């Protein structure tokens, strides 16, 4: 059995009903979040997340397919929404982070990727002294139910996210862009590897394509994405404020 962990996870294993988990204390963030400048964002999160972060798209295959992320910093290992190990209480916390240490993952068995996804957990959180999530009859306990709901909702949302990104790629709406700015200390800053929807291309779509964007809810996400790009200015303000505190 081969399981590839999602970004930020170290070693995940299938989660079974007889296992106990040492859940993170309230407010404790995953280790990876403290040193990453972007986290994945999903379809239904756009109308909320765009208020706090620039929402951009990234590609691992030179622009053939895309994934949306919320930008958290302007340097490679910088998260401007974490201070002294705590998340900014006034900013939205993405579902990708809230589900930790659990996730849903596809399993490869005998070199064949299985269609169904399994509930997995970061191995380091399995502990005989941890919390029980199911009773002796295998029925979920109250502490597990919101976790299971989040995992299932997020997984369903990921499918809508993939569909949205496939449409954007198929309609050739994406363009690469680089953020260039001058920091308060006078130093230049370039943040590259990002894609955005090129708004002027929307007018060249045919009627059926326009209808599809509205029918699938993609048009609304396009405009929350475009509006969110103004948050790069707020992100730079955070950067300069942190630099001033450190001076």
Protein backbone atom coordinates (compact mmCIF):
# COMPACT_ATOMS: atom_id res chain seq x y z
CA UNK A 1 0.00 0.00 0.00
CA UNK A 2 1.39 3.36 -1.05
CA UNK A 3 -0.07 6.67 0.16
CA UNK A 4 1.27 10.02 -0.97
CA UNK A 5 0.84 12.64 1.75
CA UNK A 6 -0.65 16.02 0.79
CA UNK A 7 1.44 19.16 0.99
CA UNK A 8 2.55 19.85 4.56
CA UNK A 9 1.85 16.37 5.88
CA UNK A 10 4.83 14.15 6.72
CA UNK A 11 3.74 10.51 7.01
CA UNK A 12 0.07 9.62 6.79
CA UNK A 13 -1.52 6.24 7.44
CA UNK A 14 -5.11 4.98 7.14
CA UNK A 15 -7.21 5.84 10.18
CA UNK A 16 -9.08 2.91 11.75
CA UNK A 17 -11.96 3.05 14.20
CA UNK A 18 -10.02 1.29 16.96
CA UNK A 19 -7.18 3.83 16.91
CA UNK A 20 -6.71 6.73 19.32
CA UNK A 21 -5.52 10.17 18.28
CA UNK A 22 -3.81 12.92 20.26
CA UNK A 23 -5.65 15.88 18.78
CA UNK A 24 -3.81 19.22 18.65
CA UNK A 25 -4.80 21.64 21.41
CA UNK A 26 -7.05 24.54 20.40
CA UNK A 27 -5.05 27.20 18.59
CA UNK A 28 -2.03 24.96 17.93
CA UNK A 29 -1.07 25.20 14.26
CA UNK A 30 0.48 22.53 12.04
CA UNK A 31 4.23 22.89 11.85
CA UNK A 32 4.21 23.37 8.07
CA UNK A 33 1.89 26.39 8.27
CA UNK A 34 4.45 28.47 10.13
CA UNK A 35 6.93 28.37 7.27
CA UNK A 36 4.83 28.39 4.09
CA UNK A 37 3.79 31.40 2.04
CA UNK A 38 0.68 29.80 0.49
CA UNK A 39 -1.97 27.17 1.27
CA UNK A 40 -4.53 25.48 -0.99
CA UNK A 41 -7.99 27.05 -1.06
CA UNK A 42 -11.16 25.36 -2.27
CA UNK A 43 -14.20 26.38 -4.31
CA UNK A 44 -16.62 27.35 -1.52
CA UNK A 45 -13.92 29.22 0.39
CA UNK A 46 -13.44 31.88 -2.29
CA UNK A 47 -16.26 34.22 -1.08
CA UNK A 48 -14.77 34.26 2.43
CA UNK A 49 -11.03 33.93 1.86
CA UNK A 50 -10.86 36.74 -0.73
CA UNK A 51 -11.43 39.27 2.07
CA UNK A 52 -8.09 38.45 3.71
CA UNK A 53 -5.71 36.99 1.13
CA UNK A 54 -4.67 37.31 -2.49
CA UNK A 55 -6.16 34.24 -4.17
CA UNK A 56 -4.05 33.10 -7.11
CA UNK A 57 -3.52 29.96 -9.14
CA UNK A 58 -0.38 27.84 -9.39
CA UNK A 59 0.63 25.15 -11.85
CA UNK A 60 3.01 22.20 -11.61
CA UNK A 61 2.87 21.34 -15.32
CA UNK A 62 3.73 24.63 -17.04
CA UNK A 63 0.20 25.94 -17.26
CA UNK A 64 -1.69 22.83 -18.39
CA UNK A 65 -3.60 22.53 -15.11
CA UNK A 66 -4.05 24.80 -12.11
CA UNK A 67 -4.79 24.86 -8.40
CA UNK A 68 -5.93 27.87 -6.31
CA UNK A 69 -3.98 29.00 -3.26
CA UNK A 70 -4.21 31.76 -0.68
CA UNK A 71 -0.97 33.77 -0.54
CA UNK A 72 0.23 34.24 3.04
CA UNK A 73 3.64 35.85 2.54
CA UNK A 74 5.97 37.37 -0.02
CA UNK A 75 9.07 35.28 0.77
CA UNK A 76 9.47 31.54 0.26
CA UNK A 77 9.11 30.48 3.91
CA UNK A 78 7.18 33.48 5.21
CA UNK A 79 3.70 33.41 6.72
CA UNK A 80 2.60 36.91 7.70
CA UNK A 81 -0.59 35.63 9.36
CA UNK A 82 1.26 33.74 12.11
CA UNK A 83 2.68 35.60 15.08
CA UNK A 84 4.33 33.85 18.04
CA UNK A 85 2.90 30.56 16.80
CA UNK A 86 -0.67 31.88 16.71
CA UNK A 87 -2.89 32.47 13.70
CA UNK A 88 -4.22 36.01 13.21
CA UNK A 89 -7.59 35.87 14.98
CA UNK A 90 -9.04 38.38 12.51
CA UNK A 91 -8.16 36.32 9.43
CA UNK A 92 -9.92 33.31 7.93
CA UNK A 93 -8.26 29.95 8.61
CA UNK A 94 -8.48 27.74 5.48
CA UNK A 95 -10.12 24.33 5.68
CA UNK A 96 -6.90 22.72 4.44
CA UNK A 97 -5.38 23.68 7.79
CA UNK A 98 -8.44 23.08 9.97
CA UNK A 99 -8.68 19.42 8.96
CA UNK A 100 -5.14 18.65 10.17
CA UNK A 101 -3.93 16.07 11.28
CA UNK A 102 -6.56 14.25 9.17
CA UNK A 103 -6.97 14.16 5.41
CA UNK A 104 -8.52 12.07 2.66
CA UNK A 105 -6.06 10.36 0.34
CA UNK A 106 -6.06 7.96 -2.57
CA UNK A 107 -4.21 4.72 -2.01
CA UNK A 108 -2.08 2.89 -4.57
CA UNK A 109 -2.34 -0.89 -4.17
CA UNK A 110 -0.22 -3.18 -6.34
CA UNK A 111 0.64 -0.19 -8.56
CA UNK A 112 -3.07 0.57 -9.16
CA UNK A 113 -4.55 3.78 -7.76
CA UNK A 114 -7.80 3.00 -5.97
CA UNK A 115 -10.88 5.03 -6.85
CA UNK A 116 -12.08 5.57 -3.30
CA UNK A 117 -10.27 7.83 -0.88
CA UNK A 118 -9.41 6.75 2.64
CA UNK A 119 -9.50 8.81 5.81
CA UNK A 120 -5.87 9.13 6.83
CA UNK A 121 -4.07 10.71 9.77
CA UNK A 122 -0.59 12.02 10.43
CA UNK A 123 1.13 8.99 11.95
CA UNK A 124 2.80 11.01 14.71
CA UNK A 125 -0.64 11.82 16.20
CA UNK A 126 -1.62 8.19 16.78
CA UNK A 127 -1.23 7.50 20.48
CA UNK A 128 -2.69 4.90 22.85
CA UNK A 129 -3.22 7.70 25.36
CA UNK A 130 -5.09 9.83 22.83
CA UNK A 131 -8.79 10.37 22.20
CA UNK A 132 -11.13 7.58 21.12
CA UNK A 133 -13.22 8.57 18.08
CA UNK A 134 -15.55 5.53 17.94
CA UNK A 135 -17.23 3.38 20.55
CA UNK A 136 -16.83 -0.38 20.93
CA UNK A 137 -19.56 -0.95 18.35
CA UNK A 138 -17.85 1.27 15.78
CA UNK A 139 -20.28 4.18 16.11
CA UNK A 140 -18.80 7.65 15.86
CA UNK A 141 -18.48 9.65 19.05
CA UNK A 142 -19.38 13.33 19.34
CA UNK A 143 -15.74 14.49 19.03
CA UNK A 144 -15.34 12.70 15.68
CA UNK A 145 -18.54 13.88 14.00
CA UNK A 146 -17.45 17.48 13.18
CA UNK A 147 -14.09 16.19 11.95
CA UNK A 148 -15.78 13.67 9.67
CA UNK A 149 -18.17 16.34 8.40
CA UNK A 150 -15.28 18.69 7.61
CA UNK A 151 -13.36 15.94 5.78
CA UNK A 152 -16.35 14.91 3.68
CA UNK A 153 -17.39 18.48 2.88
CA UNK A 154 -13.84 19.45 1.97
CA UNK A 155 -13.39 16.40 -0.24
CA UNK A 156 -16.60 17.19 -2.12
CA UNK A 157 -15.47 20.78 -2.45
CA UNK A 158 -12.15 19.68 -3.93
CA UNK A 159 -14.04 18.04 -6.78
CA UNK A 160 -15.76 21.36 -7.54
CA UNK A 161 -12.38 23.06 -7.32
CA UNK A 162 -10.86 20.65 -9.85
CA UNK A 163 -13.83 21.16 -12.17
CA UNK A 164 -13.46 24.94 -11.94
CA UNK A 165 -9.75 24.80 -12.71
CA UNK A 166 -10.34 22.43 -15.63
CA UNK A 167 -12.86 24.89 -17.11
CA UNK A 168 -10.48 27.83 -16.69
CA UNK A 169 -7.73 25.87 -18.43
CA UNK A 170 -10.04 24.60 -21.20
CA UNK A 171 -11.25 28.15 -21.91
CA UNK A 172 -7.65 29.42 -21.94
CA UNK A 173 -8.44 32.19 -19.44
CA UNK A 174 -5.24 32.05 -17.40
CA UNK A 175 -2.14 34.21 -17.65
CA UNK A 176 1.10 34.13 -15.63
CA UNK A 177 2.04 37.17 -13.60
CA UNK A 178 4.75 38.37 -11.22
CA UNK A 179 4.36 40.70 -8.27
CA UNK A 180 7.06 43.37 -8.20
CA UNK A 181 7.34 45.82 -5.32
CA UNK A 182 9.81 47.86 -3.31
CA UNK A 183 9.96 47.11 0.39
CA UNK A 184 9.99 49.87 2.99
CA UNK A 185 13.71 49.31 3.55
CA UNK A 186 14.27 50.04 -0.13
CA UNK A 187 14.89 46.48 -1.25
CA UNK A 188 13.22 45.05 -4.37
CA UNK A 189 10.82 42.10 -4.15
CA UNK A 190 9.61 39.71 -6.85
CA UNK A 191 6.99 37.03 -6.28
CA UNK A 192 6.67 34.80 -9.33
CA UNK A 193 5.10 31.49 -10.37
CA UNK A 194 1.51 32.73 -10.13
CA UNK A 195 -1.41 32.73 -12.56
CA UNK A 196 -4.55 34.87 -12.71
CA UNK A 197 -7.62 35.04 -14.89
CA UNK A 198 -7.12 37.49 -17.75
CA UNK A 199 -10.41 39.38 -17.50
CA UNK A 200 -10.44 40.71 -21.06
CA UNK A 201 -10.52 37.14 -22.39
CA UNK A 202 -13.99 36.68 -20.90
CA UNK A 203 -15.55 38.84 -23.60
CA UNK A 204 -14.28 36.49 -26.32
CA UNK A 205 -16.03 33.42 -24.92
CA UNK A 206 -19.09 32.16 -26.75
CA UNK A 207 -22.60 32.15 -25.27
CA UNK A 208 -22.45 28.50 -24.22
CA UNK A 209 -19.18 29.06 -22.38
CA UNK A 210 -20.57 32.11 -20.58
CA UNK A 211 -23.64 30.13 -19.53
CA UNK A 212 -21.45 27.33 -18.24
CA UNK A 213 -19.38 29.72 -16.12
CA UNK A 214 -22.54 31.03 -14.47
CA UNK A 215 -24.20 27.61 -14.18
CA UNK A 216 -21.16 26.09 -12.44
CA UNK A 217 -20.67 29.11 -10.16
CA UNK A 218 -17.27 29.77 -11.69
CA UNK A 219 -17.97 33.35 -12.78
CA UNK A 220 -18.50 34.44 -9.19
CA UNK A 221 -15.21 32.80 -8.18
CA UNK A 222 -13.41 34.54 -11.03
CA UNK A 223 -14.43 37.94 -9.73
CA UNK A 224 -13.70 37.17 -6.07
CA UNK A 225 -10.26 36.02 -7.28
CA UNK A 226 -9.71 39.23 -9.25
CA UNK A 227 -10.90 41.42 -6.36
CA UNK A 228 -8.64 39.54 -3.96
CA UNK A 229 -5.53 40.62 -5.87
CA UNK A 230 -5.87 44.01 -4.15
CA UNK A 231 -4.85 42.20 -0.97
CA UNK A 232 -1.27 42.12 -2.24
CA UNK A 233 -1.12 45.74 -1.07
CA UNK A 234 -2.33 44.72 2.39
CA UNK A 235 0.14 41.85 2.40
CA UNK A 236 2.98 44.26 1.70
CA UNK A 237 1.72 46.49 4.51
CA UNK A 238 1.91 43.50 6.86
CA UNK A 239 5.42 42.80 5.63
CA UNK A 240 6.56 46.36 6.27
CA UNK A 241 4.91 46.42 9.70
CA UNK A 242 6.69 43.21 10.72
CA UNK A 243 9.99 44.60 9.43
CA UNK A 244 9.48 47.79 11.45
CA UNK A 245 8.82 45.77 14.63
CA UNK A 246 12.01 43.76 14.08
CA UNK A 247 14.15 46.86 13.49
